[in-house]
Amino acid sequence: MEQPALNFSGDKDSWFDLWHIHTDFKGDGNKDFKTRLIFLKKLLQEYSKYKFRLEKYPRPYQIFIVIDENDSSEDAVYIHIENPNNDNFPVKIEPGKDWTCKNKQLAEFMKQTNFYIVEATHSESNFYYLFECDTELR
């Protein structure tokens, strides 16, 4: 997967407004879970790469994963900071009820990440926001 040229300097031109990267653009992971698992693992790799790049970032940021229960092409890693486009930092995902994923294999995968998981419903699908337990906002 080609890495986009992003500015991690922290200068005035270095900002992210819910910037995100998908790993399964075509939705191939919707065919079966074995295929989806390949893309989910790539998603964790992308998360780790960007998390590493942000370790020395001088401004507060959020990095998190979003997984769509029904559509693998929607799964993505997000980076967000205060930015000139919107006054929406930090993103606040309100924890509601305990999350319940009907796809048992997907639920097991998410549990194994040891991330904090928040469920939200959008457009007739359940989305899961995954934050590292100690790094929701840096």
C-alpha atoms as a PDB file:
ATOM      1  CA  MET A   1       0.000   0.000   0.000  1.00  0.00           C
ATOM      2  CA  GLU A   2       1.460   3.319  -1.056  1.00  0.00           C
ATOM      3  CA  GLN A   3       1.927   5.766   1.792  1.00  0.00           C
ATOM      4  CA  PRO A   4       0.517   9.232   1.167  1.00  0.00           C
ATOM      5  CA  ALA A   5       2.843  12.188   1.666  1.00  0.00           C
ATOM      6  CA  LEU A   6       1.705  13.639   4.968  1.00  0.00           C
ATOM      7  CA  ASN A   7       3.219  16.495   6.933  1.00  0.00           C
ATOM      8  CA  PHE A   8       4.050  15.376  10.472  1.00  0.00           C
ATOM      9  CA  SER A   9       6.186  18.438  11.284  1.00  0.00           C
ATOM     10  CA  GLY A  10       3.609  20.097  13.522  1.00  0.00           C
ATOM     11  CA  ASP A  11       3.938  23.439  11.706  1.00  0.00           C
ATOM     12  CA  LYS A  12       0.897  25.519  10.712  1.00  0.00           C
ATOM     13  CA  ASP A  13       0.427  23.509   7.515  1.00  0.00           C
ATOM     14  CA  SER A  14       0.560  20.219   9.379  1.00  0.00           C
ATOM     15  CA  TRP A  15      -2.970  19.292  10.360  1.00  0.00           C
ATOM     16  CA  PHE A  16      -5.454  16.474   9.908  1.00  0.00           C
ATOM     17  CA  ASP A  17      -9.221  16.911   9.644  1.00  0.00           C
ATOM     18  CA  LEU A  18     -10.422  13.343  10.084  1.00  0.00           C
ATOM     19  CA  TRP A  19      -7.823  12.266   7.552  1.00  0.00           C
ATOM     20  CA  HIS A  20      -8.155   8.541   6.961  1.00  0.00           C
ATOM     21  CA  ILE A  21      -6.820   5.625   4.960  1.00  0.00           C
ATOM     22  CA  HIS A  22      -8.719   2.508   3.905  1.00  0.00           C
ATOM     23  CA  THR A  23      -7.083  -0.860   3.326  1.00  0.00           C
ATOM     24  CA  ASP A  24      -9.876  -2.564   1.343  1.00  0.00           C
ATOM     25  CA  PHE A  25     -10.965  -0.073  -1.306  1.00  0.00           C
ATOM     26  CA  LYS A  26     -12.868  -2.634  -3.381  1.00  0.00           C
ATOM     27  CA  GLY A  27     -14.697  -4.322  -0.497  1.00  0.00           C
ATOM     28  CA  ASP A  28     -13.101  -7.700  -1.181  1.00  0.00           C
ATOM     29  CA  GLY A  29     -13.322  -8.462   2.524  1.00  0.00           C
ATOM     30  CA  ASN A  30     -17.102  -8.595   2.207  1.00  0.00           C
ATOM     31  CA  LYS A  31     -16.815 -11.954   0.389  1.00  0.00           C
ATOM     32  CA  ASP A  32     -15.799 -13.964   3.436  1.00  0.00           C
ATOM     33  CA  PHE A  33     -14.177 -13.428   6.816  1.00  0.00           C
ATOM     34  CA  LYS A  34     -10.879 -15.081   5.826  1.00  0.00           C
ATOM     35  CA  THR A  35     -10.413 -12.359   3.200  1.00  0.00           C
ATOM     36  CA  ARG A  36     -11.621  -9.627   5.555  1.00  0.00           C
ATOM     37  CA  LEU A  37      -9.126 -10.737   8.163  1.00  0.00           C
ATOM     38  CA  ILE A  38      -6.293 -10.012   5.725  1.00  0.00           C
ATOM     39  CA  PHE A  39      -7.516  -6.426   5.391  1.00  0.00           C
ATOM     40  CA  LEU A  40      -8.155  -6.046   9.131  1.00  0.00           C
ATOM     41  CA  LYS A  41      -4.565  -7.071   9.819  1.00  0.00           C
ATOM     42  CA  LYS A  42      -3.388  -4.512   7.239  1.00  0.00           C
ATOM     43  CA  LEU A  43      -5.518  -1.940   9.054  1.00  0.00           C
ATOM     44  CA  LEU A  44      -3.669  -2.665  12.299  1.00  0.00           C
ATOM     45  CA  GLN A  45      -0.346  -2.373  10.451  1.00  0.00           C
ATOM     46  CA  GLU A  46      -1.360   1.014   9.053  1.00  0.00           C
ATOM     47  CA  TYR A  47      -2.446   2.116  12.527  1.00  0.00           C
ATOM     48  CA  SER A  48       0.953   1.141  13.929  1.00  0.00           C
ATOM     49  CA  LYS A  49       2.828   2.972  11.145  1.00  0.00           C
ATOM     50  CA  TYR A  50       0.922   6.194  11.673  1.00  0.00           C
ATOM     51  CA  LYS A  51       1.018   5.899  15.447  1.00  0.00           C
ATOM     52  CA  PHE A  52       4.797   5.659  15.197  1.00  0.00           C
ATOM     53  CA  ARG A  53       4.932   8.735  12.931  1.00  0.00           C
ATOM     54  CA  LEU A  54       2.822  10.672  15.455  1.00  0.00           C
ATOM     55  CA  GLU A  55       4.957   9.833  18.496  1.00  0.00           C
ATOM     56  CA  LYS A  56       6.997  13.021  18.093  1.00  0.00           C
ATOM     57  CA  TYR A  57       4.110  15.117  16.772  1.00  0.00           C
ATOM     58  CA  PRO A  58       4.154  18.291  18.894  1.00  0.00           C
ATOM     59  CA  ARG A  59       0.398  18.922  19.039  1.00  0.00           C
ATOM     60  CA  PRO A  60      -2.514  16.999  20.573  1.00  0.00           C
ATOM     61  CA  TYR A  61      -3.965  14.437  18.189  1.00  0.00           C
ATOM     62  CA  GLN A  62      -6.335  11.521  17.967  1.00  0.00           C
ATOM     63  CA  ILE A  63      -5.650   8.316  16.088  1.00  0.00           C
ATOM     64  CA  PHE A  64      -8.256   5.591  15.947  1.00  0.00           C
ATOM     65  CA  ILE A  65      -9.691   2.821  13.814  1.00  0.00           C
ATOM     66  CA  VAL A  66     -13.238   2.635  12.496  1.00  0.00           C
ATOM     67  CA  ILE A  67     -14.660  -0.746  11.488  1.00  0.00           C
ATOM     68  CA  ASP A  68     -17.988  -1.125   9.697  1.00  0.00           C
ATOM     69  CA  GLU A  69     -19.690  -4.359  10.661  1.00  0.00           C
ATOM     70  CA  ASN A  70     -21.213  -4.775   7.192  1.00  0.00           C
ATOM     71  CA  ASP A  71     -18.734  -3.230   4.754  1.00  0.00           C
ATOM     72  CA  SER A  72     -15.015  -3.902   4.785  1.00  0.00           C
ATOM     73  CA  SER A  73     -14.388  -1.060   2.329  1.00  0.00           C
ATOM     74  CA  GLU A  74     -15.424   1.431   5.035  1.00  0.00           C
ATOM     75  CA  ASP A  75     -12.811   0.246   7.563  1.00  0.00           C
ATOM     76  CA  ALA A  76     -10.140   2.898   8.072  1.00  0.00           C
ATOM     77  CA  VAL A  77      -7.482   4.439  10.286  1.00  0.00           C
ATOM     78  CA  TYR A  78      -8.221   8.073  11.207  1.00  0.00           C
ATOM     79  CA  ILE A  79      -5.935  10.890  12.330  1.00  0.00           C
ATOM     80  CA  HIS A  80      -7.464  14.062  13.699  1.00  0.00           C
ATOM     81  CA  ILE A  81      -6.160  17.264  15.253  1.00  0.00           C
ATOM     82  CA  GLU A  82      -7.368  20.810  15.734  1.00  0.00           C
ATOM     83  CA  ASN A  83      -7.615  22.238  12.240  1.00  0.00           C
ATOM     84  CA  PRO A  84      -8.772  25.281  10.256  1.00  0.00           C
ATOM     85  CA  ASN A  85     -11.614  23.401   8.516  1.00  0.00           C
ATOM     86  CA  ASN A  86     -13.828  22.627  11.493  1.00  0.00           C
ATOM     87  CA  ASP A  87     -14.158  23.168  15.197  1.00  0.00           C
ATOM     88  CA  ASN A  88     -14.543  19.455  15.869  1.00  0.00           C
ATOM     89  CA  PHE A  89     -11.466  18.483  17.842  1.00  0.00           C
ATOM     90  CA  PRO A  90     -11.384  16.280  19.687  1.00  0.00           C
ATOM     91  CA  VAL A  91     -13.901  13.943  18.098  1.00  0.00           C
ATOM     92  CA  LYS A  92     -16.177  12.797  20.864  1.00  0.00           C
ATOM     93  CA  ILE A  93     -17.621   9.340  20.498  1.00  0.00           C
ATOM     94  CA  GLU A  94     -20.002   8.852  23.385  1.00  0.00           C
ATOM     95  CA  PRO A  95     -19.944   5.368  24.814  1.00  0.00           C
ATOM     96  CA  GLY A  96     -23.447   4.030  24.876  1.00  0.00           C
ATOM     97  CA  LYS A  97     -24.585   0.561  25.567  1.00  0.00           C
ATOM     98  CA  ASP A  98     -22.188  -2.330  25.656  1.00  0.00           C
ATOM     99  CA  TRP A  99     -21.183  -3.037  22.100  1.00  0.00           C
ATOM    100  CA  THR A 100     -22.628  -6.064  20.393  1.00  0.00           C
ATOM    101  CA  CYS A 101     -21.354  -7.211  17.025  1.00  0.00           C
ATOM    102  CA  LYS A 102     -23.529  -9.783  15.275  1.00  0.00           C
ATOM    103  CA  ASN A 103     -20.553 -11.000  13.249  1.00  0.00           C
ATOM    104  CA  LYS A 104     -18.931 -13.247  15.853  1.00  0.00           C
ATOM    105  CA  GLN A 105     -15.630 -13.563  13.977  1.00  0.00           C
ATOM    106  CA  LEU A 106     -15.356  -9.785  13.672  1.00  0.00           C
ATOM    107  CA  ALA A 107     -16.259  -9.393  17.348  1.00  0.00           C
ATOM    108  CA  GLU A 108     -13.527 -11.836  18.329  1.00  0.00           C
ATOM    109  CA  PHE A 109     -10.984 -10.016  16.172  1.00  0.00           C
ATOM    110  CA  MET A 110     -11.855  -6.664  17.782  1.00  0.00           C
ATOM    111  CA  LYS A 111     -11.645  -8.133  21.296  1.00  0.00           C
ATOM    112  CA  GLN A 112      -8.169  -9.470  20.562  1.00  0.00           C
ATOM    113  CA  THR A 113      -6.889  -5.991  19.684  1.00  0.00           C
ATOM    114  CA  ASN A 114      -7.255  -4.923  23.336  1.00  0.00           C
ATOM    115  CA  PHE A 115      -8.521  -1.555  22.109  1.00  0.00           C
ATOM    116  CA  TYR A 116     -11.334   0.336  23.787  1.00  0.00           C
ATOM    117  CA  ILE A 117     -14.375  -0.190  21.529  1.00  0.00           C
ATOM    118  CA  VAL A 118     -17.350   2.122  21.115  1.00  0.00           C
ATOM    119  CA  GLU A 119     -20.299   1.183  18.930  1.00  0.00           C
ATOM    120  CA  ALA A 120     -22.216   3.737  16.868  1.00  0.00           C
ATOM    121  CA  THR A 121     -24.968   3.281  14.305  1.00  0.00           C
ATOM    122  CA  HIS A 122     -24.809   5.178  11.026  1.00  0.00           C
ATOM    123  CA  SER A 123     -26.777   4.610   7.820  1.00  0.00           C
ATOM    124  CA  GLU A 124     -28.200   1.241   8.830  1.00  0.00           C
ATOM    125  CA  SER A 125     -24.840  -0.181   9.813  1.00  0.00           C
ATOM    126  CA  ASN A 126     -22.955  -0.566  13.053  1.00  0.00           C
ATOM    127  CA  PHE A 127     -19.572   1.108  13.232  1.00  0.00           C
ATOM    128  CA  TYR A 128     -16.976   0.343  15.885  1.00  0.00           C
ATOM    129  CA  TYR A 129     -14.499   2.993  16.968  1.00  0.00           C
ATOM    130  CA  LEU A 130     -11.325   1.455  18.345  1.00  0.00           C
ATOM    131  CA  PHE A 131      -9.048   3.534  20.561  1.00  0.00           C
ATOM    132  CA  GLU A 132      -6.006   2.363  22.428  1.00  0.00           C
ATOM    133  CA  CYS A 133      -7.070   2.292  26.045  1.00  0.00           C
ATOM    134  CA  ASP A 134      -4.502   4.858  27.186  1.00  0.00           C
ATOM    135  CA  THR A 135      -4.262   7.043  24.079  1.00  0.00           C
ATOM    136  CA  GLU A 136      -7.704   8.320  23.092  1.00  0.00           C
ATOM    137  CA  LEU A 137      -6.250  11.841  22.994  1.00  0.00           C
ATOM    138  CA  ARG A 138      -2.554  12.697  23.007  1.00  0.00           C
END
